[in-house]
Every structure is written in structure tokens, then in C-alpha cells.
Protein backbone atom coordinates (compact mmCIF):
# COMPACT_ATOMS: atom_id res chain seq x y z
CA MET A 1 0.00 0.00 0.00
CA GLU A 2 1.32 3.43 -0.89
CA TYR A 3 0.45 6.99 -0.03
CA ILE A 4 0.89 9.71 -2.56
CA PHE A 5 2.78 12.81 -1.41
CA SER A 6 -0.26 15.04 -1.05
CA LEU A 7 -1.88 12.64 1.43
CA GLU A 8 1.30 12.50 3.53
CA PHE A 9 1.38 16.30 3.49
CA ILE A 10 -2.24 16.44 4.63
CA TYR A 11 -1.45 14.05 7.47
CA ILE A 12 1.41 16.29 8.60
CA ILE A 13 -0.90 19.32 8.60
CA ALA A 14 -3.58 17.38 10.52
CA SER A 15 -1.03 16.20 13.09
CA VAL A 16 0.15 19.76 13.63
CA THR A 17 -3.45 20.94 14.15
CA TYR A 18 -3.96 18.23 16.81
CA ILE A 19 -0.89 19.38 18.73
CA LEU A 20 -1.80 23.06 18.34
CA GLY A 21 -5.44 22.41 19.28
CA LEU A 22 -4.47 20.45 22.39
CA LYS A 23 -2.12 23.23 23.44
CA MET A 24 -4.88 25.82 23.06
CA LEU A 25 -7.31 23.69 25.06
CA GLY A 26 -5.11 24.35 28.08
CA HIS A 27 -6.57 27.83 28.56
CA PRO A 28 -10.26 28.84 28.64
CA GLU A 29 -9.74 31.86 26.39
CA THR A 30 -8.30 29.77 23.55
CA ALA A 31 -10.09 26.46 24.16
CA ARG A 32 -12.92 27.07 21.67
CA LYS A 33 -10.52 28.09 18.92
CA GLY A 34 -8.26 25.13 19.68
CA ASN A 35 -11.18 22.74 19.44
CA LEU A 36 -12.15 24.16 16.03
CA ILE A 37 -8.57 23.97 14.74
CA ALA A 38 -8.20 20.32 15.78
CA ALA A 39 -11.62 19.50 14.31
CA ALA A 40 -10.61 21.12 11.01
CA GLY A 41 -7.46 18.99 10.96
CA MET A 42 -9.49 15.85 11.58
CA THR A 43 -11.90 16.76 8.79
CA LEU A 44 -8.97 17.35 6.43
CA ALA A 45 -7.45 13.97 7.35
CA ILE A 46 -10.75 12.15 6.77
CA LEU A 47 -11.35 13.77 3.38
CA GLY A 48 -7.76 13.15 2.35
CA THR A 49 -7.98 9.48 3.30
CA ILE A 50 -11.23 9.02 1.37
CA PHE A 51 -10.23 10.81 -1.84
CA LEU A 52 -6.43 10.62 -2.01
CA TYR A 53 -5.61 7.20 -0.61
CA LYS A 54 -3.74 5.14 -3.18
CA GLY A 55 -4.15 1.43 -2.57
CA GLU A 56 -6.26 -1.48 -3.69
CA HIS A 57 -9.27 -0.67 -5.84
CA VAL A 58 -12.28 0.11 -3.72
CA ASN A 59 -15.79 -0.51 -4.96
CA SER A 60 -17.80 2.69 -5.42
CA THR A 61 -20.45 1.22 -3.12
CA ILE A 62 -17.96 1.51 -0.25
CA TYR A 63 -17.68 5.25 -0.83
CA ILE A 64 -21.44 5.58 -0.76
CA LEU A 65 -21.63 3.66 2.53
CA ILE A 66 -18.87 5.82 4.00
CA ALA A 67 -20.65 9.00 2.96
CA VAL A 68 -23.96 7.80 4.40
CA ALA A 69 -22.28 6.78 7.69
CA ILE A 70 -20.52 10.14 8.00
CA LEU A 71 -23.76 12.01 7.23
CA ILE A 72 -25.78 10.03 9.78
CA GLY A 73 -23.08 10.34 12.43
CA THR A 74 -22.71 14.08 11.81
CA ILE A 75 -26.45 14.71 12.10
CA ILE A 76 -26.80 12.64 15.28
CA GLY A 77 -23.69 14.17 16.87
CA TRP A 78 -24.75 17.70 15.95
CA MET A 79 -28.26 17.24 17.37
CA ILE A 80 -26.97 15.71 20.62
CA ALA A 81 -24.34 18.43 21.08
CA LYS A 82 -26.82 21.25 20.41
CA LYS A 83 -29.48 19.90 22.78
CA VAL A 84 -27.35 18.64 25.67
CA ALA A 85 -27.58 20.66 28.86
CA MET A 86 -24.37 21.70 30.57
CA THR A 87 -25.38 19.48 33.50
CA LYS A 88 -25.31 16.52 31.11
CA MET A 89 -21.91 17.32 29.60
CA PRO A 90 -20.04 14.71 31.69
CA GLU A 91 -22.39 11.98 30.43
CA LEU A 92 -21.87 13.17 26.84
CA VAL A 93 -18.09 13.10 27.23
CA SER A 94 -18.26 9.57 28.62
CA LEU A 95 -20.62 8.46 25.82
CA PHE A 96 -18.46 9.90 23.04
CA ASN A 97 -15.32 8.44 24.61
CA GLY A 98 -17.01 5.03 24.64
CA MET A 99 -17.74 5.34 20.93
CA GLY A 100 -14.03 5.88 20.28
CA GLY A 101 -13.20 2.73 22.20
CA ALA A 102 -15.84 0.79 20.28
CA SER A 103 -14.34 1.94 16.97
CA ALA A 104 -10.90 0.70 18.01
CA ALA A 105 -12.38 -2.64 19.09
CA LEU A 106 -14.19 -3.08 15.76
CA ILE A 107 -10.95 -2.49 13.89
CA GLY A 108 -9.47 -5.48 15.72
CA LEU A 109 -12.43 -7.71 14.96
CA ILE A 110 -12.33 -6.84 11.26
CA GLU A 111 -8.57 -6.96 10.72
CA PHE A 112 -7.61 -10.03 12.77
CA HIS A 113 -7.90 -12.62 10.00
CA HIS A 114 -5.95 -10.40 7.59
CA TYR A 115 -2.77 -10.53 9.69
CA THR A 116 -2.66 -14.06 11.13
CA GLY A 117 0.92 -15.32 11.21
CA ASP A 118 2.38 -11.86 11.75
CA LYS A 119 2.86 -11.85 15.53
CA LEU A 120 3.63 -8.12 15.83
CA SER A 121 0.51 -7.15 13.87
CA VAL A 122 -1.65 -9.64 15.78
CA PHE A 123 -0.30 -8.24 19.07
CA THR A 124 -1.18 -4.72 17.90
CA ILE A 125 -4.67 -5.78 16.84
CA ILE A 126 -5.44 -7.66 20.04
CA ALA A 127 -4.01 -4.92 22.28
CA GLY A 128 -6.11 -2.26 20.55
CA MET A 129 -9.22 -4.43 20.60
CA VAL A 130 -8.94 -5.39 24.29
CA ILE A 131 -8.18 -1.84 25.46
CA GLY A 132 -10.89 -0.37 23.20
CA SER A 133 -13.47 -2.89 24.44
CA ILE A 134 -12.66 -2.11 28.08
CA SER A 135 -12.92 1.60 27.34
CA PHE A 136 -16.27 1.14 25.58
CA SER A 137 -18.06 -0.93 28.21
CA GLY A 138 -16.43 0.98 31.07
CA SER A 139 -17.51 4.30 29.56
CA MET A 140 -21.07 3.05 29.21
CA VAL A 141 -21.13 2.13 32.92
CA ALA A 142 -19.63 5.54 33.76
CA TRP A 143 -22.37 7.14 31.64
CA ALA A 144 -25.02 5.22 33.59
CA LYS A 145 -23.48 6.33 36.89
CA LEU A 146 -23.30 9.96 35.81
CA ASN A 147 -26.90 10.20 34.60
CA GLY A 148 -28.26 8.50 37.71
CA THR A 149 -29.28 5.20 36.13
CA MET A 150 -26.77 3.40 38.34
CA ASN A 151 -26.91 5.35 41.59
CA LYS A 152 -24.75 3.17 43.81
CA PRO A 153 -21.53 1.20 43.31
CA ILE A 154 -22.01 -2.55 42.80
CA ARG A 155 -19.38 -4.51 44.68
CA LEU A 156 -19.33 -8.27 44.32
CA PRO A 157 -17.76 -10.35 47.12
CA LYS A 158 -13.96 -10.10 46.91
CA TYR A 159 -14.45 -7.96 43.82
CA ASN A 160 -10.84 -6.74 43.70
CA ILE A 161 -9.49 -10.29 43.63
CA LEU A 162 -12.18 -11.33 41.12
CA ASN A 163 -11.39 -8.45 38.78
CA ASN A 164 -7.63 -8.97 38.96
CA VAL A 165 -7.87 -12.70 38.30
CA PHE A 166 -10.24 -12.10 35.39
CA PHE A 167 -7.87 -9.52 33.90
CA LEU A 168 -4.89 -11.87 34.21
CA LEU A 169 -6.89 -14.60 32.46
CA ILE A 170 -7.63 -12.19 29.61
CA LEU A 171 -3.91 -11.38 29.30
CA ALA A 172 -2.97 -15.06 29.37
CA PHE A 173 -5.55 -15.95 26.70
CA ALA A 174 -4.43 -13.01 24.54
CA ALA A 175 -0.80 -14.16 24.83
CA TYR A 176 -1.85 -17.67 23.78
CA VAL A 177 -3.68 -16.37 20.69
CA ILE A 178 -0.67 -14.26 19.69
CA LEU A 179 2.01 -16.89 20.27
CA SER A 180 0.05 -19.83 18.83
CA GLY A 181 -0.57 -18.03 15.55
CA SER A 182 -4.19 -19.20 15.62
CA ASP A 183 -6.55 -17.71 13.04
CA SER A 184 -9.71 -18.77 14.89
CA GLN A 185 -12.38 -16.07 14.79
CA LEU A 186 -13.90 -17.74 17.85
CA TYR A 187 -10.83 -16.79 19.89
CA ILE A 188 -10.93 -13.14 18.89
CA TYR A 189 -14.64 -12.91 19.72
CA LEU A 190 -14.06 -14.60 23.07
CA LEU A 191 -11.41 -11.98 23.83
CA PHE A 192 -13.76 -9.23 22.67
CA PHE A 193 -16.63 -10.27 24.97
CA ALA A 194 -14.26 -11.00 27.87
CA ALA A 195 -12.80 -7.49 27.57
CA LEU A 196 -16.32 -6.00 27.47
CA ALA A 197 -17.18 -7.91 30.65
CA TYR A 198 -14.00 -6.74 32.35
CA GLY A 199 -14.76 -3.11 31.46
CA ILE A 200 -18.08 -3.46 33.28
CA LEU A 201 -16.53 -5.21 36.30
CA PHE A 202 -13.77 -2.59 36.36
CA VAL A 203 -16.08 0.42 36.70
CA ILE A 204 -19.19 -0.80 38.59
CA PRO A 205 -17.46 -0.93 42.02
CA ILE A 206 -16.10 2.62 41.75
CA GLY A 207 -18.09 5.31 43.56
CA GLY A 208 -19.46 8.51 42.05
CA ALA A 209 -16.83 10.68 43.76
CA ASP A 210 -14.15 9.01 41.64
CA MET A 211 -15.95 9.38 38.31
CA PRO A 212 -13.81 12.36 37.18
CA VAL A 213 -10.69 10.21 37.57
CA VAL A 214 -12.34 7.21 35.87
CA ILE A 215 -13.45 9.31 32.89
CA SER A 216 -9.89 10.61 32.44
CA LEU A 217 -8.47 7.09 32.72
CA LEU A 218 -10.93 5.64 30.19
CA ASN A 219 -10.16 8.54 27.88
CA SER A 220 -6.49 7.58 27.98
CA PHE A 221 -7.48 3.97 27.18
CA THR A 222 -9.35 5.11 24.07
CA GLY A 223 -6.36 7.15 22.92
CA LEU A 224 -4.03 4.19 23.44
CA ALA A 225 -6.37 1.89 21.48
CA ALA A 226 -6.48 4.42 18.62
CA ALA A 227 -2.68 4.64 18.65
CA PHE A 228 -2.44 0.86 18.21
CA GLY A 229 -4.74 1.20 15.19
CA GLY A 230 -2.49 3.89 13.75
CA PHE A 231 0.56 1.68 14.28
CA LEU A 232 -1.18 -1.25 12.56
CA TYR A 233 -2.03 0.77 9.47
CA GLY A 234 1.16 2.84 9.48
CA ASN A 235 -1.13 5.87 9.63
CA MET A 236 0.76 8.82 11.09
CA VAL A 237 -2.23 11.02 11.81
CA MET A 238 -4.11 8.24 13.61
CA LEU A 239 -1.01 7.37 15.61
CA THR A 240 -0.37 11.01 16.54
CA GLY A 241 -3.98 11.59 17.58
CA GLY A 242 -4.05 8.43 19.67
CA ILE A 243 -0.78 9.24 21.43
CA LEU A 244 -1.95 12.77 22.21
CA VAL A 245 -5.29 11.61 23.62
CA GLY A 246 -3.70 8.77 25.54
CA SER A 247 -0.92 10.87 27.07
CA ALA A 248 -3.23 13.81 27.86
CA GLY A 249 -5.73 11.47 29.52
CA THR A 250 -2.97 9.83 31.56
CA ILE A 251 -1.51 13.15 32.70
CA LEU A 252 -4.97 14.41 33.65
CA THR A 253 -5.71 11.18 35.53
CA PHE A 254 -2.65 11.56 37.72
CA ALA A 255 -3.33 15.29 38.17
CA MET A 256 -6.83 14.45 39.44
CA CYS A 257 -5.43 11.81 41.79
CA LYS A 258 -2.96 14.37 43.12
CA ALA A 259 -5.85 16.80 43.69
CA MET A 260 -7.55 14.11 45.79
CA ASN A 261 -4.29 13.08 47.50
CA ARG A 262 -4.90 9.48 46.51
CA PRO A 263 -2.83 7.11 44.35
CA LEU A 264 -4.51 5.73 41.24
CA SER A 265 -4.45 2.24 42.74
CA ASN A 266 -6.58 3.52 45.63
CA VAL A 267 -9.12 5.02 43.22
CA ILE A 268 -9.44 1.73 41.35
CA PHE A 269 -9.20 -0.67 44.28
CA GLY A 270 -9.99 1.51 47.29
CA ALA A 271 -13.81 1.53 47.17
CA PHE A 272 -14.00 5.25 48.02
CA GLY A 273 -16.98 5.84 50.28
CA GLU A 274 -17.38 2.23 51.35
CA GLY A 275 -18.01 2.24 55.07
CA ALA A 276 -17.60 5.98 55.14
CA VAL A 277 -20.72 6.62 57.17
CA ALA A 278 -19.18 4.74 60.07
CA ALA A 279 -15.95 6.70 59.98
CA GLY A 280 -15.50 10.41 60.38
CA THR A 281 -19.25 11.11 60.55
CA GLY A 282 -21.41 13.58 62.33
CA SER A 283 -21.47 11.36 65.43
CA THR A 284 -18.20 12.99 66.52
CA ILE A 285 -19.01 16.49 65.30
CA LYS A 286 -19.83 19.01 67.98
CA GLY A 287 -21.94 22.06 67.34
CA SER A 288 -25.27 22.93 65.83
CA ILE A 289 -26.64 23.93 62.47
CA LYS A 290 -27.57 27.57 61.91
CA GLU A 291 -30.08 28.36 59.19
CA ALA A 292 -30.15 31.68 57.35
CA SER A 293 -32.74 33.31 55.13
CA ALA A 294 -32.14 34.95 51.76
CA SER A 295 -32.57 38.33 53.43
CA ASP A 296 -29.88 37.56 56.03
CA VAL A 297 -27.42 36.45 53.37
CA ALA A 298 -28.18 39.46 51.16
CA ILE A 299 -27.38 41.83 54.04
CA LEU A 300 -24.02 40.08 54.62
CA MET A 301 -23.10 40.28 50.96
CA ASN A 302 -24.30 43.86 50.56
CA TYR A 303 -21.88 45.11 53.21
CA ALA A 304 -19.00 42.82 52.28
CA LYS A 305 -15.85 44.00 50.56
CA LYS A 306 -14.89 40.59 49.20
CA VAL A 307 -17.03 37.55 48.32
CA ILE A 308 -15.74 34.22 47.04
CA ILE A 309 -18.20 31.82 45.39
CA VAL A 310 -17.46 28.08 45.57
CA PRO A 311 -19.45 26.23 42.87
CA GLY A 312 -20.18 22.51 43.02
CA TYR A 313 -22.28 19.94 41.24
CA GLY A 314 -25.42 21.27 42.97
CA LEU A 315 -25.01 24.45 40.94
CA ALA A 316 -25.02 22.41 37.74
CA VAL A 317 -28.02 20.31 38.78
CA ALA A 318 -30.06 23.44 39.50
CA GLN A 319 -28.85 25.02 36.24
CA ALA A 320 -28.03 28.10 38.28
CA GLN A 321 -24.93 29.18 36.37
CA HIS A 322 -26.67 32.17 34.78
CA ALA A 323 -28.19 33.22 38.10
CA ILE A 324 -24.82 33.07 39.89
CA HIS A 325 -23.26 35.23 37.18
CA GLU A 326 -26.06 37.76 37.60
CA LEU A 327 -25.43 37.76 41.36
CA GLU A 328 -21.73 38.32 40.72
CA GLN A 329 -22.41 41.28 38.44
CA LEU A 330 -24.88 42.80 40.91
CA LEU A 331 -22.39 42.55 43.79
CA GLU A 332 -19.66 44.12 41.67
CA SER A 333 -21.98 47.01 40.81
CA LYS A 334 -22.14 47.63 44.57
CA GLY A 335 -18.34 47.70 44.84
CA VAL A 336 -17.86 44.13 46.09
CA GLU A 337 -14.87 42.14 44.84
CA VAL A 338 -16.08 38.72 43.60
CA LYS A 339 -14.13 35.59 42.68
CA TYR A 340 -14.90 31.93 42.04
CA ALA A 341 -12.87 29.25 43.84
CA ILE A 342 -12.55 26.15 41.63
CA HIS A 343 -11.54 22.80 43.12
CA PRO A 344 -9.90 20.42 40.59
CA VAL A 345 -12.46 17.66 41.22
CA ALA A 346 -15.58 19.80 41.67
CA GLY A 347 -18.42 18.47 39.53
CA ARG A 348 -18.57 15.26 37.56
CA MET A 349 -15.63 15.63 35.20
CA PRO A 350 -12.33 17.53 34.98
CA GLY A 351 -12.98 21.21 34.35
CA HIS A 352 -16.76 20.83 34.77
CA MET A 353 -17.17 24.04 36.78
CA ASN A 354 -14.94 26.01 34.40
CA VAL A 355 -17.02 24.90 31.41
CA LEU A 356 -20.28 25.61 33.25
CA LEU A 357 -19.29 29.15 34.18
CA ALA A 358 -17.72 29.83 30.78
CA GLU A 359 -21.17 29.23 29.28
CA THR A 360 -22.39 32.36 31.09
CA ASN A 361 -19.37 34.43 29.95
CA VAL A 362 -17.84 34.72 33.41
CA GLU A 363 -14.47 36.46 33.00
CA TYR A 364 -11.69 33.89 33.04
CA ASP A 365 -9.54 35.83 35.48
CA LYS A 366 -12.29 35.49 38.09
CA LEU A 367 -11.88 31.69 38.12
CA ALA A 368 -9.25 30.99 40.77
CA GLU A 369 -7.67 27.56 41.18
CA MET A 370 -7.43 25.96 44.62
CA ASP A 371 -3.74 26.64 45.30
CA ASP A 372 -4.08 30.29 44.26
CA VAL A 373 -7.27 31.09 46.15
CA ASN A 374 -6.69 29.26 49.45
CA PRO A 375 -4.48 32.02 50.93
CA GLU A 376 -7.23 34.56 50.15
CA PHE A 377 -9.95 33.06 52.31
CA GLN A 378 -8.60 34.69 55.48
CA SER A 379 -9.24 38.12 53.97
CA THR A 380 -12.66 37.18 52.57
CA ASP A 381 -15.79 38.60 54.22
CA VAL A 382 -18.26 36.06 52.83
CA VAL A 383 -17.79 32.68 51.18
CA PHE A 384 -20.84 31.43 49.29
CA VAL A 385 -20.69 27.64 48.81
CA VAL A 386 -23.21 26.54 46.17
CA GLY A 387 -23.77 22.79 45.91
CA ALA A 388 -20.20 21.82 46.89
CA ASN A 389 -19.65 19.38 49.73
CA ASP A 390 -16.62 17.11 50.10
CA VAL A 391 -14.23 19.62 48.50
CA VAL A 392 -14.83 22.06 51.41
CA ASN A 393 -15.04 19.52 54.25
CA PRO A 394 -12.46 20.34 57.00
CA ALA A 395 -12.44 16.63 57.94
CA ALA A 396 -9.83 16.33 55.20
CA HIS A 397 -7.51 18.22 57.57
CA ASN A 398 -8.90 17.37 60.99
CA ASP A 399 -10.10 13.75 61.08
CA PRO A 400 -7.56 10.96 60.42
CA THR A 401 -10.42 8.43 60.42
CA SER A 402 -12.21 10.19 57.55
CA PRO A 403 -12.03 8.58 54.08
CA ILE A 404 -11.14 12.00 52.63
CA TYR A 405 -8.35 12.67 55.15
CA GLY A 406 -5.34 14.20 53.38
CA MET A 407 -7.34 15.33 50.36
CA PRO A 408 -6.53 18.96 49.43
CA ILE A 409 -9.63 21.10 49.91
CA LEU A 410 -10.71 24.71 49.58
CA ASP A 411 -9.99 26.31 52.97
CA VAL A 412 -13.33 28.13 53.19
CA GLU A 413 -13.38 27.62 56.99
CA ASN A 414 -10.85 30.47 57.22
CA ALA A 415 -13.29 33.06 55.86
CA LYS A 416 -15.07 35.51 58.18
CA GLN A 417 -18.58 34.29 57.24
CA ILE A 418 -19.59 31.10 55.42
CA ILE A 419 -22.91 30.62 53.63
CA ILE A 420 -23.69 27.11 52.38
CA ASN A 421 -26.49 26.56 49.91
CA LYS A 422 -27.80 22.98 49.77
CA ARG A 423 -31.13 21.29 49.25
CA SER A 424 -30.72 19.24 52.43
CA MET A 425 -28.17 17.88 54.91
CA LYS A 426 -27.57 14.86 52.71
CA PRO A 427 -23.86 13.88 52.61
CA GLY A 428 -21.75 14.22 49.47
CA TYR A 429 -20.24 11.38 47.44
CA ALA A 430 -17.85 10.44 50.23
CA GLY A 431 -20.87 9.53 52.35
CA ILE A 432 -19.78 11.53 55.41
CA GLU A 433 -21.16 14.55 57.20
CA ASN A 434 -19.47 17.86 56.57
CA GLU A 435 -17.76 19.48 59.57
CA LEU A 436 -18.11 22.83 57.86
CA PHE A 437 -21.88 22.81 58.40
CA TYR A 438 -21.31 22.91 62.18
CA ASN A 439 -18.75 25.71 62.10
CA ASN A 440 -19.69 28.73 64.25
CA LYS A 441 -19.14 31.01 61.25
CA ALA A 442 -21.30 28.92 58.91
CA SER A 443 -25.00 29.32 58.08
CA MET A 444 -27.12 27.03 55.91
CA LEU A 445 -29.25 28.47 53.12
CA PHE A 446 -31.51 25.53 52.29
CA GLY A 447 -33.27 25.26 48.93
CA ASP A 448 -32.80 24.89 45.18
CA ALA A 449 -29.71 26.83 44.13
CA LYS A 450 -31.37 28.70 41.27
CA LYS A 451 -34.36 29.78 43.36
CA MET A 452 -32.26 30.85 46.34
CA ILE A 453 -29.77 32.79 44.22
CA GLN A 454 -32.64 34.57 42.49
CA ALA A 455 -34.08 35.40 45.91
CA LEU A 456 -30.70 36.85 46.91
CA ILE A 457 -30.66 38.95 43.74
CA ASN A 458 -34.13 40.34 44.47
CA GLU A 459 -33.17 41.18 48.05
CA LEU A 460 -29.96 42.90 46.95
CA LYS A 461 -31.77 44.97 44.33
CA ASN A 462 -34.02 46.37 47.04
CA MET A 463 -31.09 47.50 49.19
């Protein structure tokens, strides 16, 4: 098989756009442009492959099928992307990531019998298929967890041992298929379904608090599977894209683990939240809950010099991002300095809060990362926590028996006044009570985030 020069040149351009696009995704101001640049490179690579590839004669029917598939996929993807709410973005990311894994797995199923006897190619095919299958089924379970279909982790007896043994059996069987030189389609399908099963067993025990890390890890799996496909075909642009996705997903996975002060092995095997209610719970917390009204909170904010807003998943659920931006603008019109404190694992996926607030055109310099904003809480008059829980729980510092002990948190307890907006006293994903709620400086503003923020806005306008 040969590539004419123009196709190679197109692949170089596409590879450069991937690298440039990924670089630009690192900052909110350039992320949209970077996404468009990378997408343009991908489109160029697809069109070049279809029209400029020089190889065996392809029946014109194949081109028609490709065109129809691209058209259908484009329409479905466009409609989903246009209609999806920002609260559903994590599910969409997980779903799309799963589709990438499925594509890599299908390549293995289709190409296996073409390369029997070539051990390196068979290894590449099987590695891509197994990793892609795990990514696909695991992403589908993650999607179910994120949208609430699967509310609680499912942990079989001795599930860690069961999963590890099953994975080792998959590796042993894959090694046998590669070394034996077998061309049995039955073997490749057995590996395919075993990998799908492992993907499910891999993700179902993991709690919701760890979903951001799991999504990043599965994303790296999909990239790695795509890279194997690029290596198999000798396709530079596919290899480059796969390596970039795989490496970026891996880096992000370890960054998220660092933000939670937990090794990756603990995320996968640690059953975060299991037995948490019995350890580090409200049974040892002294103090009482103070409830505040919208009027009380509005008075505090009206006379404050500095307010820091801490958004969490509750803000996304209530779709209160526009209301919180309106509150920010109103406070600034009264001479109040306003910032947003963003914890790395707030929400359901990496960068969830940043994306949510960017939708409302919040200025990027108002979004402060944890390490930068923590020293500022001591000089802050009012901290307004909206739907965040575990990421502001002082038990991470104070209670060695707590499952979140050692996890870096936003030090909101150092502020002069703390307002916490929640629907109820229900614990967060870690399954433990929040010490912050019992702090003498803290007051609870119970209710739907959007409604309560709007009530605050109305009160402030009348002052």
C-alpha cells in the first residue's frame, strides 16, 4: 500500500493541528478556537484518506456507505451536542469516549484474520481491541453512573481479587492467541466479549466521587487503542492523535489523583466511600446547624468588601450558572470584589465548573484555582458555597479516620462568614457529614440553588 505525497502532506498538517489544538485547550480563552482547529485537521485527514488514498481498488459502493455513515453520524452528533444541557456534559463526554473505544475494538475484529501469522501485527490488533473494548463498556457504565441510572456502586464479594484474576486470564488468553498463531475467529470474539465484561466489572465498584478520575483514565485507554490502530495501518495522523489523547488522559488522571491526594491504585481498588458513614461522621461532630434566610445572606453580601463563590455539582443540577453570574455582576456594581474558587475535582468531570461558568461568559480571570485562592480566604468577608460538599469539608484536615483525610480542599473555613447553599443535609459522594456545616461562622441556606440565588438577587436589588 502506498500513499501519494499530497496525502502525507495532509497528514502532517492534521497532526500539527492536533498538537496546536491540544495546546490551546489548556486555557479557557483559547479552548474554543483550539477545538475548532483540531476538528478542522481531523476533517482534512478524513477527506484526504477518502479521496487521495492510493491502494487497492475500492468498490464505489464503499464510498457511498462511508458517505452515508458520515452524514448520519454528523447529524446525530450535531443534534446531541446542540441539545445537551451543561449538567449533562459529563455523560456526553463519557458516551463519546465510549464510541471511540468501540471503533478501536471493531478495527481489531475486522482486521484479525488479515494478519494471522504476523505476531507483531496480531499483538497490535489484540491490544487495541482489548483496550478499546474495556474503554467502551467501562464508559457506558460511567455514563449510567453519571446520569443517575446506576446510583450506587455494585461490589461483588472479593471484587478486587475477582477483577484482577479475570484480567490476568484475559492477558494469558491473549498471549496464547498471539504466540500460537491461531486464526480462529472464535478466539478473537471470546477476547472481545471478555474485555467487554472486564470493562463493566472494572467500573461498577467505583463510587461517584471518583468518576472524574475514571473518565480521564478511560479517555487515555481510548487514545491508546487508537494509537495501536495507527501503528497497525502505518497511519501517522491516527497514531499522533491516539498518542496525544492517551498521554493527555494519563496526565490528567494523575493530576486528578494528586488533587484528591490518593494514588490511582486507591481510586481503582480503594472503594472510596465504602463504610464511610461509620468513619468520620457527624457522630463525633460538635456544634449545631444555623439556618439563614435569603434576606440575612443578602445583608451580609451587601456590606461585604470581598465575596468568594465556591461552585459545586449542585449548581449544575439546579442550572443556576446564569443566576450566579447575575449575582456576581450585581455585587460588583455595589463595589464588592467577587471571585470563584474552583476545586480540581468539583463536579462530575475535569474542568466541569470552568465549562459551566464559561457558558455564562464569566471572565476567566475570576476563576481561581485551589492553590491560588486558598491564601485569600482569610481576607474574605463572605464565602458562598453553592452545591459543593466534600471539597470544602475540614475533615480532610482534621479527622484521620475520615475517608477524605489528606485530600486537598478549599480552605473556606478560614473566611469571616460562610454561607452554604444545599437542598438538604444529605452527605456528598464520600458519604460523610461535613464538619463545615457545624462551624460557628457557617450558616445554611436551604433550597434549590437557582431559586435561592434569584431570591438573593431580588433582596440585593431592594437595598
